[in-house]
Amino acid sequence: LIQDAAKRGKAWNLPFNAIDPTAADDQFFYAESKGPRSLAIVRIEVSSTVAGNLEPIRATVGTPSSGSGIDAASLSGPGGNNPAGVFETGVDLQLTEGETLGHFYLAADTPRLLEVYYVIPPGTALVFNWEVATGILSGQATIIELAPDQDPVT
């Protein structure tokens, strides 16, 4: 999926670096689809300085309270298109949580590579939640725009 999307200019990495949650159950990553096609998070690379649990959760679309924009890195090379959406990182983004899509344990100082497939239809969002109150998180999410024949919404 990633290679196919990159050939079409529709694959990106969304980095998050040195995020330091301030309380338990902090949302620290936000992705909202704003284009005509669904987006999908297909890979998460993440590490933390302490053991804890990462939870991807569907979120009520809203404005994150304390986020900073993420600059997407095109996997098609320099000058690639940007994804159609809003992507932010921070601590305690305070969005209403919906369905929990996964629950991944992270050991301290042990990077994890998670192969996932979380579709984000247009007008919907997904957040990453960190269950413990401490620990500095760094990593990236790989996101693609689904082709018309892959998109369950079209």
Protein backbone atom coordinates (compact mmCIF):
# COMPACT_ATOMS: atom_id res chain seq x y z
CA LEU A 1 0.00 0.00 0.00
CA ILE A 2 2.71 2.48 0.93
CA GLN A 3 4.70 1.97 -2.29
CA ASP A 4 1.57 2.23 -4.45
CA ALA A 5 0.48 5.40 -2.68
CA ALA A 6 3.99 6.89 -2.93
CA LYS A 7 3.99 6.29 -6.70
CA ARG A 8 0.75 8.27 -6.87
CA GLY A 9 2.25 11.04 -4.69
CA LYS A 10 -0.17 10.16 -1.88
CA ALA A 11 2.00 8.86 1.00
CA TRP A 12 3.52 10.86 3.86
CA ASN A 13 5.22 10.54 7.23
CA LEU A 14 3.80 12.64 10.05
CA PRO A 15 6.51 13.04 12.73
CA PHE A 16 6.02 13.68 16.42
CA ASN A 17 9.11 14.43 18.48
CA ALA A 18 9.78 14.77 22.21
CA ILE A 19 6.11 14.91 23.22
CA ASP A 20 5.91 14.92 27.03
CA PRO A 21 2.37 14.13 28.25
CA THR A 22 1.42 15.92 31.45
CA ALA A 23 -1.32 13.61 32.73
CA ALA A 24 -2.66 10.10 32.29
CA ASP A 25 -4.78 9.53 29.18
CA ASP A 26 -3.24 12.38 27.20
CA GLN A 27 -4.07 12.65 23.51
CA PHE A 28 -0.85 13.68 21.77
CA PHE A 29 -1.44 13.15 18.01
CA TYR A 30 -4.41 14.23 15.88
CA ALA A 31 -5.22 13.43 12.24
CA GLU A 32 -8.37 14.71 10.52
CA SER A 33 -9.27 13.90 6.90
CA LYS A 34 -10.45 16.95 4.93
CA GLY A 35 -10.24 15.83 1.30
CA PRO A 36 -12.57 13.98 -1.04
CA ARG A 37 -10.87 10.62 -0.32
CA SER A 38 -10.29 8.72 2.89
CA LEU A 39 -6.86 8.67 4.47
CA ALA A 40 -5.40 5.64 6.23
CA ILE A 41 -2.71 5.35 8.87
CA VAL A 42 -0.78 2.25 7.84
CA ARG A 43 2.32 2.34 10.04
CA ILE A 44 3.24 3.79 13.43
CA GLU A 45 6.86 3.99 14.56
CA VAL A 46 7.06 5.05 18.21
CA SER A 47 9.22 4.95 21.31
CA SER A 48 8.86 6.25 24.85
CA THR A 49 11.23 6.82 27.72
CA VAL A 50 8.85 4.91 30.04
CA ALA A 51 6.65 1.85 29.61
CA GLY A 52 3.04 2.54 28.74
CA ASN A 53 0.15 1.95 26.36
CA LEU A 54 -0.56 3.66 23.05
CA GLU A 55 -4.20 3.74 21.98
CA PRO A 56 -5.39 4.88 18.54
CA ILE A 57 -8.93 6.20 19.07
CA ARG A 58 -11.59 7.62 16.75
CA ALA A 59 -12.28 11.17 17.87
CA THR A 60 -15.06 13.67 17.55
CA VAL A 61 -13.89 16.22 15.03
CA GLY A 62 -13.10 19.48 16.71
CA THR A 63 -10.21 21.81 17.27
CA PRO A 64 -7.41 20.39 19.40
CA SER A 65 -6.90 22.68 22.38
CA SER A 66 -3.11 22.88 22.47
CA GLY A 67 -1.76 21.32 19.30
CA SER A 68 0.98 22.38 16.92
CA GLY A 69 0.78 21.65 13.21
CA ILE A 70 2.76 18.75 11.78
CA ASP A 71 4.73 19.24 8.56
CA ALA A 72 4.11 16.13 6.47
CA ALA A 73 7.12 14.58 4.74
CA SER A 74 6.23 13.24 1.29
CA LEU A 75 7.38 9.70 0.56
CA SER A 76 7.39 10.63 -3.14
CA GLY A 77 10.39 12.90 -2.73
CA PRO A 78 10.91 16.64 -2.37
CA GLY A 79 8.14 18.86 -3.64
CA GLY A 80 5.42 16.25 -3.19
CA ASN A 81 1.81 17.16 -2.46
CA ASN A 82 0.56 17.67 1.09
CA PRO A 83 -2.17 15.43 2.49
CA ALA A 84 -5.69 16.90 2.63
CA GLY A 85 -6.27 17.20 6.35
CA VAL A 86 -5.37 18.70 9.69
CA PHE A 87 -2.47 17.06 11.54
CA GLU A 88 -1.34 18.20 14.99
CA THR A 89 0.74 17.03 17.89
CA GLY A 90 0.95 18.25 21.47
CA VAL A 91 -0.14 17.30 24.96
CA ASP A 92 -3.69 16.98 26.25
CA LEU A 93 -5.39 17.77 22.93
CA GLN A 94 -8.79 17.31 24.66
CA LEU A 95 -11.02 15.83 22.00
CA THR A 96 -14.04 13.67 22.71
CA GLU A 97 -13.02 10.04 22.35
CA GLY A 98 -14.94 7.44 20.39
CA GLU A 99 -14.07 3.85 19.52
CA THR A 100 -10.68 2.55 20.71
CA LEU A 101 -9.04 0.89 17.70
CA GLY A 102 -6.06 -0.72 19.38
CA HIS A 103 -4.07 -1.05 22.57
CA PHE A 104 -0.28 -1.35 22.13
CA TYR A 105 2.16 -1.85 24.98
CA LEU A 106 5.48 0.00 24.68
CA ALA A 107 8.46 -1.04 26.79
CA ALA A 108 10.71 1.77 27.99
CA ASP A 109 13.34 2.89 25.49
CA THR A 110 12.32 0.15 23.02
CA PRO A 111 11.14 1.42 19.61
CA ARG A 112 8.04 -0.28 18.17
CA LEU A 113 7.00 -0.61 14.54
CA LEU A 114 3.25 -1.15 14.28
CA GLU A 115 1.74 -2.19 10.96
CA VAL A 116 -1.89 -1.03 11.13
CA TYR A 117 -4.76 -0.07 8.84
CA TYR A 118 -6.91 2.71 10.31
CA VAL A 119 -9.15 4.36 7.71
CA ILE A 120 -10.03 8.01 8.36
CA PRO A 121 -13.02 8.90 6.15
CA PRO A 122 -13.46 12.55 5.07
CA GLY A 123 -14.70 14.70 7.94
CA THR A 124 -13.55 12.29 10.66
CA ALA A 125 -10.50 12.17 12.91
CA LEU A 126 -8.23 9.84 14.84
CA VAL A 127 -6.10 10.56 17.92
CA PHE A 128 -3.28 8.71 19.64
CA ASN A 129 -3.78 8.46 23.40
CA TRP A 130 -1.00 7.75 25.93
CA GLU A 131 -2.25 6.02 29.07
CA VAL A 132 0.50 6.83 31.56
CA ALA A 133 1.23 10.30 32.91
CA THR A 134 4.91 10.54 32.02
CA GLY A 135 7.36 9.56 29.34
CA ILE A 136 8.68 11.39 26.32
CA LEU A 137 7.23 10.05 23.06
CA SER A 138 8.82 10.30 19.63
CA GLY A 139 8.08 8.68 16.30
CA GLN A 140 6.02 9.03 13.17
CA ALA A 141 2.82 7.83 11.57
CA THR A 142 2.75 6.87 7.90
CA ILE A 143 -0.45 8.03 6.24
CA ILE A 144 -1.73 7.41 2.73
CA GLU A 145 -4.62 8.71 0.66
CA LEU A 146 -6.67 5.75 -0.53
CA ALA A 147 -7.19 5.24 -4.26
CA PRO A 148 -10.83 5.20 -5.44
CA ASP A 149 -10.86 1.38 -5.63
CA GLN A 150 -9.46 1.14 -2.06
CA ASP A 151 -11.71 3.72 -0.42
CA PRO A 152 -14.64 2.14 1.45
CA VAL A 153 -16.46 5.48 1.51
CA THR A 154 -16.71 5.99 -2.27
